[in-house]
Every structure is written in structure tokens, then in C-alpha cells.
Amino acid sequence: DAGRTWWEHLSSGLESMGFKKCNAEMRVFKKDGVIIIMYVNDCLIFANSKEEADEVVRELKRNFDITDERETIEQYLGFKIDHNSASAPPFGQVNECNTRNG
């Protein structure tokens, strides 16, 4: 199954980059102040700064064939994306997620 193969490749790649899976939700990965949420073949990256997000995207591009649509996305799964907001992301509660081995 191609979907499962992609998921295993992506999951192991993120873990090799130092991200840990959330125990409660396998599609959520966390590393320091960065949270990646996966949905099918899309991912959302939440970071404390644009610089942190840029570094994660650069690292992802070194390991995967990805496109960066941060500047054009306005809505995702019913959530409005506000690129200029200083408020917490809609998934802020994920910060409390327990990760494997940490």
C-alpha cells in the first residue's frame, strides 16, 4: 500500500530529524518548540518563530520532495490560517503532548 509506505518513510524521517511522536496522536510530532501535524500527505508546522519554521522546512526539503505553501494557504481542514496573528495556534494544546522516549 503506497500510503502506508509513504507514512513509514515520513515517520522514520521525522524521527531521524529528532522529532518524537505524540503518544495520544500518531500524526503529531514534536521537537523543542516545533509541532508538526500530519494529515494524509500534508503537514502543518507550528513554531515559535518564522526562523524556526524556516529551518524545519529547509531540513524537510533536504530529506523529502516537498512544496512550501505557507504564503498561499488561507484555510486548512476548516481552520482559518492567520499568518499575522500573535496568538497561539489552534492546536496549542498539543504542547502538552507526551512524546515517546521523552
PDB file of N, CA and C in Angstrom:
ATOM      1  N   ASP A   1       0.842  -1.181   0.000  1.00  0.00           N
ATOM      2  CA  ASP A   1       0.000   0.000   0.000  1.00  0.00           C
ATOM      3  C   ASP A   1       0.886   1.242   0.000  1.00  0.00           C
ATOM      4  N   ALA A   2       0.724   2.092  -0.981  1.00  0.00           N
ATOM      5  CA  ALA A   2       1.571   3.271  -1.157  1.00  0.00           C
ATOM      6  C   ALA A   2       1.436   4.256   0.001  1.00  0.00           C
ATOM      7  N   GLY A   3       0.224   4.427   0.502  1.00  0.00           N
ATOM      8  CA  GLY A   3       0.009   5.347   1.617  1.00  0.00           C
ATOM      9  C   GLY A   3       0.766   4.934   2.861  1.00  0.00           C
ATOM     10  N   ARG A   4       0.722   3.654   3.151  1.00  0.00           N
ATOM     11  CA  ARG A   4       1.428   3.146   4.338  1.00  0.00           C
ATOM     12  C   ARG A   4       2.942   3.274   4.172  1.00  0.00           C
ATOM     13  N   THR A   5       3.436   2.976   2.973  1.00  0.00           N
ATOM     14  CA  THR A   5       4.868   3.098   2.702  1.00  0.00           C
ATOM     15  C   THR A   5       5.323   4.539   2.876  1.00  0.00           C
ATOM     16  N   TRP A   6       4.544   5.494   2.346  1.00  0.00           N
ATOM     17  CA  TRP A   6       4.868   6.913   2.494  1.00  0.00           C
ATOM     18  C   TRP A   6       4.869   7.299   3.966  1.00  0.00           C
ATOM     19  N   TRP A   7       3.842   6.855   4.705  1.00  0.00           N
ATOM     20  CA  TRP A   7       3.761   7.196   6.128  1.00  0.00           C
ATOM     21  C   TRP A   7       4.979   6.680   6.891  1.00  0.00           C
ATOM     22  N   GLU A   8       5.378   5.448   6.634  1.00  0.00           N
ATOM     23  CA  GLU A   8       6.538   4.871   7.321  1.00  0.00           C
ATOM     24  C   GLU A   8       7.812   5.633   6.969  1.00  0.00           C
ATOM     25  N   HIS A   9       7.962   6.010   5.700  1.00  0.00           N
ATOM     26  CA  HIS A   9       9.127   6.769   5.252  1.00  0.00           C
ATOM     27  C   HIS A   9       9.161   8.139   5.931  1.00  0.00           C
ATOM     28  N   LEU A  10       8.032   8.827   5.924  1.00  0.00           N
ATOM     29  CA  LEU A  10       7.949  10.149   6.535  1.00  0.00           C
ATOM     30  C   LEU A  10       8.156  10.085   8.045  1.00  0.00           C
ATOM     31  N   SER A  11       7.496   9.154   8.682  1.00  0.00           N
ATOM     32  CA  SER A  11       7.590   9.000  10.128  1.00  0.00           C
ATOM     33  C   SER A  11       9.030   8.734  10.560  1.00  0.00           C
ATOM     34  N   SER A  12       9.696   7.797   9.901  1.00  0.00           N
ATOM     35  CA  SER A  12      11.083   7.490  10.269  1.00  0.00           C
ATOM     36  C   SER A  12      11.995   8.671   9.948  1.00  0.00           C
ATOM     37  N   GLY A  13      11.697   9.402   8.878  1.00  0.00           N
ATOM     38  CA  GLY A  13      12.485  10.582   8.541  1.00  0.00           C
ATOM     39  C   GLY A  13      12.363  11.671   9.594  1.00  0.00           C
ATOM     40  N   LEU A  14      11.142  11.924  10.055  1.00  0.00           N
ATOM     41  CA  LEU A  14      10.941  12.929  11.099  1.00  0.00           C
ATOM     42  C   LEU A  14      11.630  12.511  12.393  1.00  0.00           C
ATOM     43  N   GLU A  15      11.538  11.233  12.727  1.00  0.00           N
ATOM     44  CA  GLU A  15      12.203  10.751  13.931  1.00  0.00           C
ATOM     45  C   GLU A  15      13.712  10.871  13.812  1.00  0.00           C
ATOM     46  N   SER A  16      14.266  10.646  12.622  1.00  0.00           N
ATOM     47  CA  SER A  16      15.715  10.805  12.433  1.00  0.00           C
ATOM     48  C   SER A  16      16.127  12.272  12.524  1.00  0.00           C
ATOM     49  N   MET A  17      15.188  13.190  12.311  1.00  0.00           N
ATOM     50  CA  MET A  17      15.443  14.625  12.458  1.00  0.00           C
ATOM     51  C   MET A  17      15.294  15.064  13.912  1.00  0.00           C
ATOM     52  N   GLY A  18      14.953  14.122  14.795  1.00  0.00           N
ATOM     53  CA  GLY A  18      14.837  14.436  16.212  1.00  0.00           C
ATOM     54  C   GLY A  18      13.425  14.676  16.695  1.00  0.00           C
ATOM     55  N   PHE A  19      12.435  14.539  15.818  1.00  0.00           N
ATOM     56  CA  PHE A  19      11.044  14.694  16.233  1.00  0.00           C
ATOM     57  C   PHE A  19      10.568  13.421  16.911  1.00  0.00           C
ATOM     58  N   LYS A  20       9.696  13.581  17.874  1.00  0.00           N
ATOM     59  CA  LYS A  20       9.120  12.447  18.603  1.00  0.00           C
ATOM     60  C   LYS A  20       7.619  12.419  18.361  1.00  0.00           C
ATOM     61  N   LYS A  21       7.071  11.196  18.220  1.00  0.00           N
ATOM     62  CA  LYS A  21       5.631  11.029  18.041  1.00  0.00           C
ATOM     63  C   LYS A  21       4.898  11.274  19.346  1.00  0.00           C
ATOM     64  N   CYS A  22       3.744  11.861  19.223  1.00  0.00           N
ATOM     65  CA  CYS A  22       2.857  12.049  20.365  1.00  0.00           C
ATOM     66  C   CYS A  22       2.232  10.700  20.714  1.00  0.00           C
ATOM     67  N   ASN A  23       2.189  10.358  21.983  1.00  0.00           N
ATOM     68  CA  ASN A  23       1.570   9.094  22.393  1.00  0.00           C
ATOM     69  C   ASN A  23       0.077   9.060  22.095  1.00  0.00           C
ATOM     70  N   ALA A  24      -0.588  10.186  22.250  1.00  0.00           N
ATOM     71  CA  ALA A  24      -2.033  10.222  22.099  1.00  0.00           C
ATOM     72  C   ALA A  24      -2.477  10.332  20.642  1.00  0.00           C
ATOM     73  N   GLU A  25      -1.623  10.824  19.759  1.00  0.00           N
ATOM     74  CA  GLU A  25      -1.998  11.025  18.351  1.00  0.00           C
ATOM     75  C   GLU A  25      -0.772  10.796  17.484  1.00  0.00           C
ATOM     76  N   MET A  26      -0.772   9.702  16.740  1.00  0.00           N
ATOM     77  CA  MET A  26       0.415   9.316  15.985  1.00  0.00           C
ATOM     78  C   MET A  26       0.760  10.264  14.846  1.00  0.00           C
ATOM     79  N   ARG A  27      -0.156  11.147  14.467  1.00  0.00           N
ATOM     80  CA  ARG A  27       0.127  12.084  13.380  1.00  0.00           C
ATOM     81  C   ARG A  27       0.722  13.397  13.870  1.00  0.00           C
ATOM     82  N   VAL A  28       1.019  13.490  15.150  1.00  0.00           N
ATOM     83  CA  VAL A  28       1.602  14.692  15.732  1.00  0.00           C
ATOM     84  C   VAL A  28       3.029  14.389  16.166  1.00  0.00           C
ATOM     85  N   PHE A  29       3.954  15.244  15.727  1.00  0.00           N
ATOM     86  CA  PHE A  29       5.362  15.108  16.062  1.00  0.00           C
ATOM     87  C   PHE A  29       5.812  16.399  16.747  1.00  0.00           C
ATOM     88  N   LYS A  30       6.712  16.276  17.713  1.00  0.00           N
ATOM     89  CA  LYS A  30       7.162  17.443  18.456  1.00  0.00           C
ATOM     90  C   LYS A  30       8.678  17.386  18.645  1.00  0.00           C
ATOM     91  N   LYS A  31       9.295  18.557  18.534  1.00  0.00           N
ATOM     92  CA  LYS A  31      10.725  18.692  18.789  1.00  0.00           C
ATOM     93  C   LYS A  31      10.940  20.103  19.311  1.00  0.00           C
ATOM     94  N   ASP A  32      11.424  20.209  20.524  1.00  0.00           N
ATOM     95  CA  ASP A  32      11.616  21.513  21.153  1.00  0.00           C
ATOM     96  C   ASP A  32      10.309  22.307  21.048  1.00  0.00           C
ATOM     97  N   GLY A  33      10.326  23.493  20.473  1.00  0.00           N
ATOM     98  CA  GLY A  33       9.119  24.314  20.356  1.00  0.00           C
ATOM     99  C   GLY A  33       8.397  24.151  19.048  1.00  0.00           C
ATOM    100  N   VAL A  34       8.713  23.118  18.270  1.00  0.00           N
ATOM    101  CA  VAL A  34       8.113  22.916  16.949  1.00  0.00           C
ATOM    102  C   VAL A  34       7.172  21.724  16.988  1.00  0.00           C
ATOM    103  N   ILE A  35       5.990  21.912  16.417  1.00  0.00           N
ATOM    104  CA  ILE A  35       4.996  20.839  16.330  1.00  0.00           C
ATOM    105  C   ILE A  35       4.635  20.646  14.863  1.00  0.00           C
ATOM    106  N   ILE A  36       4.660  19.402  14.414  1.00  0.00           N
ATOM    107  CA  ILE A  36       4.243  19.061  13.052  1.00  0.00           C
ATOM    108  C   ILE A  36       3.021  18.162  13.155  1.00  0.00           C
ATOM    109  N   ILE A  37       1.973  18.550  12.458  1.00  0.00           N
ATOM    110  CA  ILE A  37       0.747  17.753  12.421  1.00  0.00           C
ATOM    111  C   ILE A  37       0.563  17.246  10.997  1.00  0.00           C
ATOM    112  N   MET A  38       0.479  15.936  10.849  1.00  0.00           N
ATOM    113  CA  MET A  38       0.337  15.309   9.539  1.00  0.00           C
ATOM    114  C   MET A  38      -1.119  14.958   9.262  1.00  0.00           C
ATOM    115  N   TYR A  39      -1.530  15.132   8.012  1.00  0.00           N
ATOM    116  CA  TYR A  39      -2.844  14.681   7.583  1.00  0.00           C
ATOM    117  C   TYR A  39      -2.706  14.222   6.142  1.00  0.00           C
ATOM    118  N   VAL A  40      -2.809  12.941   5.920  1.00  0.00           N
ATOM    119  CA  VAL A  40      -2.618  12.291   4.626  1.00  0.00           C
ATOM    120  C   VAL A  40      -1.223  12.667   4.119  1.00  0.00           C
ATOM    121  N   ASN A  41      -1.120  13.495   3.073  1.00  0.00           N
ATOM    122  CA  ASN A  41       0.211  13.870   2.586  1.00  0.00           C
ATOM    123  C   ASN A  41       0.497  15.358   2.806  1.00  0.00           C
ATOM    124  N   ASP A  42      -0.218  15.973   3.727  1.00  0.00           N
ATOM    125  CA  ASP A  42       0.006  17.370   4.091  1.00  0.00           C
ATOM    126  C   ASP A  42       0.547  17.443   5.510  1.00  0.00           C
ATOM    127  N   CYS A  43       1.232  18.526   5.809  1.00  0.00           N
ATOM    128  CA  CYS A  43       1.631  18.745   7.186  1.00  0.00           C
ATOM    129  C   CYS A  43       1.538  20.222   7.522  1.00  0.00           C
ATOM    130  N   LEU A  44       1.212  20.483   8.759  1.00  0.00           N
ATOM    131  CA  LEU A  44       1.201  21.834   9.309  1.00  0.00           C
ATOM    132  C   LEU A  44       2.352  21.924  10.283  1.00  0.00           C
ATOM    133  N   ILE A  45       3.081  23.016  10.202  1.00  0.00           N
ATOM    134  CA  ILE A  45       4.211  23.225  11.091  1.00  0.00           C
ATOM    135  C   ILE A  45       3.906  24.438  11.963  1.00  0.00           C
ATOM    136  N   PHE A  46       3.948  24.236  13.272  1.00  0.00           N
ATOM    137  CA  PHE A  46       3.770  25.323  14.231  1.00  0.00           C
ATOM    138  C   PHE A  46       5.099  25.528  14.931  1.00  0.00           C
ATOM    139  N   ALA A  47       5.565  26.769  14.947  1.00  0.00           N
ATOM    140  CA  ALA A  47       6.841  27.085  15.576  1.00  0.00           C
ATOM    141  C   ALA A  47       6.713  28.403  16.317  1.00  0.00           C
ATOM    142  N   ASN A  48       7.652  28.645  17.216  1.00  0.00           N
ATOM    143  CA  ASN A  48       7.646  29.882  17.982  1.00  0.00           C
ATOM    144  C   ASN A  48       8.064  31.085  17.158  1.00  0.00           C
ATOM    145  N   SER A  49       8.753  30.848  16.040  1.00  0.00           N
ATOM    146  CA  SER A  49       9.196  31.954  15.195  1.00  0.00           C
ATOM    147  C   SER A  49       9.251  31.502  13.740  1.00  0.00           C
ATOM    148  N   LYS A  50       9.248  32.477  12.845  1.00  0.00           N
ATOM    149  CA  LYS A  50       9.374  32.184  11.420  1.00  0.00           C
ATOM    150  C   LYS A  50      10.720  31.510  11.142  1.00  0.00           C
ATOM    151  N   GLU A  51      11.752  31.934  11.853  1.00  0.00           N
ATOM    152  CA  GLU A  51      13.085  31.356  11.655  1.00  0.00           C
ATOM    153  C   GLU A  51      13.098  29.863  11.988  1.00  0.00           C
ATOM    154  N   GLU A  52      12.424  29.496  13.084  1.00  0.00           N
ATOM    155  CA  GLU A  52      12.340  28.065  13.444  1.00  0.00           C
ATOM    156  C   GLU A  52      11.594  27.289  12.367  1.00  0.00           C
ATOM    157  N   ALA A  53      10.484  27.839  11.897  1.00  0.00           N
ATOM    158  CA  ALA A  53       9.712  27.174  10.847  1.00  0.00           C
ATOM    159  C   ALA A  53      10.536  27.057   9.570  1.00  0.00           C
ATOM    160  N   ASP A  54      11.261  28.126   9.215  1.00  0.00           N
ATOM    161  CA  ASP A  54      12.107  28.093   8.018  1.00  0.00           C
ATOM    162  C   ASP A  54      13.155  26.991   8.110  1.00  0.00           C
ATOM    163  N   GLU A  55      13.762  26.822   9.282  1.00  0.00           N
ATOM    164  CA  GLU A  55      14.789  25.790   9.461  1.00  0.00           C
ATOM    165  C   GLU A  55      14.193  24.394   9.300  1.00  0.00           C
ATOM    166  N   VAL A  56      13.007  24.176   9.858  1.00  0.00           N
ATOM    167  CA  VAL A  56      12.353  22.871   9.721  1.00  0.00           C
ATOM    168  C   VAL A  56      12.029  22.602   8.253  1.00  0.00           C
ATOM    169  N   VAL A  57      11.517  23.598   7.549  1.00  0.00           N
ATOM    170  CA  VAL A  57      11.194  23.423   6.127  1.00  0.00           C
ATOM    171  C   VAL A  57      12.459  23.118   5.334  1.00  0.00           C
ATOM    172  N   ARG A  58      13.564  23.821   5.617  1.00  0.00           N
ATOM    173  CA  ARG A  58      14.832  23.530   4.922  1.00  0.00           C
ATOM    174  C   ARG A  58      15.265  22.083   5.166  1.00  0.00           C
ATOM    175  N   GLU A  59      15.155  21.638   6.412  1.00  0.00           N
ATOM    176  CA  GLU A  59      15.552  20.269   6.738  1.00  0.00           C
ATOM    177  C   GLU A  59      14.632  19.253   6.063  1.00  0.00           C
ATOM    178  N   LEU A  60      13.344  19.536   6.049  1.00  0.00           N
ATOM    179  CA  LEU A  60      12.403  18.645   5.366  1.00  0.00           C
ATOM    180  C   LEU A  60      12.717  18.564   3.876  1.00  0.00           C
ATOM    181  N   LYS A  61      13.048  19.700   3.269  1.00  0.00           N
ATOM    182  CA  LYS A  61      13.366  19.720   1.835  1.00  0.00           C
ATOM    183  C   LYS A  61      14.629  18.932   1.518  1.00  0.00           C
ATOM    184  N   ARG A  62      15.557  18.870   2.476  1.00  0.00           N
ATOM    185  CA  ARG A  62      16.766  18.056   2.258  1.00  0.00           C
ATOM    186  C   ARG A  62      16.442  16.567   2.260  1.00  0.00           C
ATOM    187  N   ASN A  63      15.386  16.181   2.971  1.00  0.00           N
ATOM    188  CA  ASN A  63      15.063  14.763   3.134  1.00  0.00           C
ATOM    189  C   ASN A  63      13.875  14.278   2.312  1.00  0.00           C
ATOM    190  N   PHE A  64      13.023  15.203   1.886  1.00  0.00           N
ATOM    191  CA  PHE A  64      11.799  14.820   1.180  1.00  0.00           C
ATOM    192  C   PHE A  64      11.546  15.773   0.026  1.00  0.00           C
ATOM    193  N   ASP A  65      10.770  15.299  -0.936  1.00  0.00           N
ATOM    194  CA  ASP A  65      10.341  16.142  -2.048  1.00  0.00           C
ATOM    195  C   ASP A  65       9.056  16.838  -1.612  1.00  0.00           C
ATOM    196  N   ILE A  66       9.176  18.063  -1.108  1.00  0.00           N
ATOM    197  CA  ILE A  66       8.008  18.773  -0.586  1.00  0.00           C
ATOM    198  C   ILE A  66       7.871  20.135  -1.256  1.00  0.00           C
ATOM    199  N   THR A  67       6.677  20.691  -1.154  1.00  0.00           N
ATOM    200  CA  THR A  67       6.436  22.066  -1.567  1.00  0.00           C
ATOM    201  C   THR A  67       6.081  22.867  -0.327  1.00  0.00           C
ATOM    202  N   ASP A  68       6.453  24.122  -0.327  1.00  0.00           N
ATOM    203  CA  ASP A  68       6.186  25.020   0.793  1.00  0.00           C
ATOM    204  C   ASP A  68       5.071  25.969   0.368  1.00  0.00           C
ATOM    205  N   GLU A  69       3.896  25.805   0.961  1.00  0.00           N
ATOM    206  CA  GLU A  69       2.738  26.614   0.595  1.00  0.00           C
ATOM    207  C   GLU A  69       2.323  27.552   1.722  1.00  0.00           C
ATOM    208  N   ARG A  70       3.256  27.864   2.603  1.00  0.00           N
ATOM    209  CA  ARG A  70       2.923  28.703   3.758  1.00  0.00           C
ATOM    210  C   ARG A  70       2.356  30.054   3.373  1.00  0.00           C
ATOM    211  N   GLU A  71       2.864  30.655   2.337  1.00  0.00           N
ATOM    212  CA  GLU A  71       2.437  32.008   1.979  1.00  0.00           C
ATOM    213  C   GLU A  71       1.081  32.039   1.286  1.00  0.00           C
ATOM    214  N   THR A  72       0.624  30.909   0.765  1.00  0.00           N
ATOM    215  CA  THR A  72      -0.614  30.906  -0.006  1.00  0.00           C
ATOM    216  C   THR A  72      -1.794  30.258   0.705  1.00  0.00           C
ATOM    217  N   ILE A  73      -1.554  29.464   1.725  1.00  0.00           N
ATOM    218  CA  ILE A  73      -2.647  28.754   2.387  1.00  0.00           C
ATOM    219  C   ILE A  73      -3.459  29.727   3.251  1.00  0.00           C
ATOM    220  N   GLU A  74      -4.762  29.672   3.092  1.00  0.00           N
ATOM    221  CA  GLU A  74      -5.658  30.530   3.871  1.00  0.00           C
ATOM    222  C   GLU A  74      -6.560  29.731   4.797  1.00  0.00           C
ATOM    223  N   GLN A  75      -6.775  28.446   4.463  1.00  0.00           N
ATOM    224  CA  GLN A  75      -7.649  27.592   5.258  1.00  0.00           C
ATOM    225  C   GLN A  75      -7.169  26.157   5.148  1.00  0.00           C
ATOM    226  N   TYR A  76      -7.304  25.402   6.247  1.00  0.00           N
ATOM    227  CA  TYR A  76      -6.891  24.006   6.246  1.00  0.00           C
ATOM    228  C   TYR A  76      -7.815  23.236   7.163  1.00  0.00           C
ATOM    229  N   LEU A  77      -8.489  22.232   6.621  1.00  0.00           N
ATOM    230  CA  LEU A  77      -9.418  21.398   7.377  1.00  0.00           C
ATOM    231  C   LEU A  77     -10.425  22.232   8.177  1.00  0.00           C
ATOM    232  N   GLY A  78     -10.877  23.321   7.601  1.00  0.00           N
ATOM    233  CA  GLY A  78     -11.870  24.163   8.248  1.00  0.00           C
ATOM    234  C   GLY A  78     -11.306  25.221   9.173  1.00  0.00           C
ATOM    235  N   PHE A  79      -9.984  25.221   9.391  1.00  0.00           N
ATOM    236  CA  PHE A  79      -9.349  26.242  10.230  1.00  0.00           C
ATOM    237  C   PHE A  79      -8.844  27.373   9.356  1.00  0.00           C
ATOM    238  N   LYS A  80      -9.160  28.598   9.731  1.00  0.00           N
ATOM    239  CA  LYS A  80      -8.640  29.767   9.039  1.00  0.00           C
ATOM    240  C   LYS A  80      -7.199  29.969   9.488  1.00  0.00           C
ATOM    241  N   ILE A  81      -6.300  30.152   8.544  1.00  0.00           N
ATOM    242  CA  ILE A  81      -4.887  30.370   8.834  1.00  0.00           C
ATOM    243  C   ILE A  81      -4.615  31.868   8.797  1.00  0.00           C
ATOM    244  N   ASP A  82      -4.173  32.422   9.918  1.00  0.00           N
ATOM    245  CA  ASP A  82      -3.839  33.841  10.017  1.00  0.00           C
ATOM    246  C   ASP A  82      -2.328  33.948  10.165  1.00  0.00           C
ATOM    247  N   HIS A  83      -1.660  34.353   9.099  1.00  0.00           N
ATOM    248  CA  HIS A  83      -0.196  34.429   9.097  1.00  0.00           C
ATOM    249  C   HIS A  83       0.345  35.569   9.939  1.00  0.00           C
ATOM    250  N   ASN A  84      -0.498  36.519  10.297  1.00  0.00           N
ATOM    251  CA  ASN A  84      -0.039  37.704  11.031  1.00  0.00           C
ATOM    252  C   ASN A  84      -0.451  37.696  12.490  1.00  0.00           C
ATOM    253  N   SER A  85      -1.070  36.624  12.953  1.00  0.00           N
ATOM    254  CA  SER A  85      -1.572  36.575  14.315  1.00  0.00           C
ATOM    255  C   SER A  85      -0.452  36.317  15.310  1.00  0.00           C
ATOM    256  N   ALA A  86      -0.499  37.015  16.423  1.00  0.00           N
ATOM    257  CA  ALA A  86       0.462  36.777  17.502  1.00  0.00           C
ATOM    258  C   ALA A  86      -0.122  35.824  18.543  1.00  0.00           C
ATOM    259  N   SER A  87      -1.348  35.372  18.321  1.00  0.00           N
ATOM    260  CA  SER A  87      -1.993  34.484  19.282  1.00  0.00           C
ATOM    261  C   SER A  87      -1.529  33.041  19.081  1.00  0.00           C
ATOM    262  N   ALA A  88      -1.878  32.203  20.024  1.00  0.00           N
ATOM    263  CA  ALA A  88      -1.488  30.794  19.971  1.00  0.00           C
ATOM    264  C   ALA A  88      -2.159  30.106  18.788  1.00  0.00           C
ATOM    265  N   PRO A  89      -1.497  29.107  18.195  1.00  0.00           N
ATOM    266  CA  PRO A  89      -2.104  28.366  17.089  1.00  0.00           C
ATOM    267  C   PRO A  89      -3.314  27.574  17.575  1.00  0.00           C
ATOM    268  N   PRO A  90      -4.212  27.191  16.645  1.00  0.00           N
ATOM    269  CA  PRO A  90      -5.407  26.462  17.057  1.00  0.00           C
ATOM    270  C   PRO A  90      -5.112  25.137  17.734  1.00  0.00           C
ATOM    271  N   PHE A  91      -3.931  24.600  17.527  1.00  0.00           N
ATOM    272  CA  PHE A  91      -3.570  23.331  18.144  1.00  0.00           C
ATOM    273  C   PHE A  91      -2.625  23.537  19.315  1.00  0.00           C
ATOM    274  N   GLY A  92      -2.718  24.675  19.984  1.00  0.00           N
ATOM    275  CA  GLY A  92      -1.817  24.998  21.076  1.00  0.00           C
ATOM    276  C   GLY A  92      -1.773  23.947  22.164  1.00  0.00           C
ATOM    277  N   GLN A  93      -2.883  23.246  22.373  1.00  0.00           N
ATOM    278  CA  GLN A  93      -2.903  22.234  23.415  1.00  0.00           C
ATOM    279  C   GLN A  93      -1.967  21.079  23.117  1.00  0.00           C
ATOM    280  N   VAL A  94      -1.495  20.950  21.908  1.00  0.00           N
ATOM    281  CA  VAL A  94      -0.572  19.872  21.562  1.00  0.00           C
ATOM    282  C   VAL A  94       0.754  20.053  22.296  1.00  0.00           C
ATOM    283  N   ASN A  95       1.056  21.269  22.761  1.00  0.00           N
ATOM    284  CA  ASN A  95       2.285  21.498  23.517  1.00  0.00           C
ATOM    285  C   ASN A  95       2.375  20.584  24.730  1.00  0.00           C
ATOM    286  N   GLU A  96       1.259  20.133  25.235  1.00  0.00           N
ATOM    287  CA  GLU A  96       1.241  19.270  26.412  1.00  0.00           C
ATOM    288  C   GLU A  96       1.313  17.792  26.050  1.00  0.00           C
ATOM    289  N   CYS A  97       1.492  17.500  24.791  1.00  0.00           N
ATOM    290  CA  CYS A  97       1.509  16.117  24.316  1.00  0.00           C
ATOM    291  C   CYS A  97       2.727  15.371  24.864  1.00  0.00           C
ATOM    292  N   ASN A  98       2.506  14.191  25.362  1.00  0.00           N
ATOM    293  CA  ASN A  98       3.619  13.330  25.771  1.00  0.00           C
ATOM    294  C   ASN A  98       4.181  12.641  24.542  1.00  0.00           C
ATOM    295  N   THR A  99       5.499  12.657  24.401  1.00  0.00           N
ATOM    296  CA  THR A  99       6.121  12.004  23.261  1.00  0.00           C
ATOM    297  C   THR A  99       6.808  10.730  23.721  1.00  0.00           C
ATOM    298  N   ARG A 100       7.014   9.848  22.784  1.00  0.00           N
ATOM    299  CA  ARG A 100       7.726   8.609  23.093  1.00  0.00           C
ATOM    300  C   ARG A 100       9.153   8.938  23.476  1.00  0.00           C
ATOM    301  N   ASN A 101       9.662   8.261  24.469  1.00  0.00           N
ATOM    302  CA  ASN A 101      11.044   8.443  24.925  1.00  0.00           C
ATOM    303  C   ASN A 101      11.328   9.874  25.359  1.00  0.00           C
ATOM    304  N   GLY A 102      10.331  10.560  25.872  1.00  0.00           N
ATOM    305  CA  GLY A 102      10.611  11.917  26.324  1.00  0.00           C
ATOM    306  C   GLY A 102       9.384  12.713  26.548  1.00  0.00           C
TER     307      GLY A 102
END
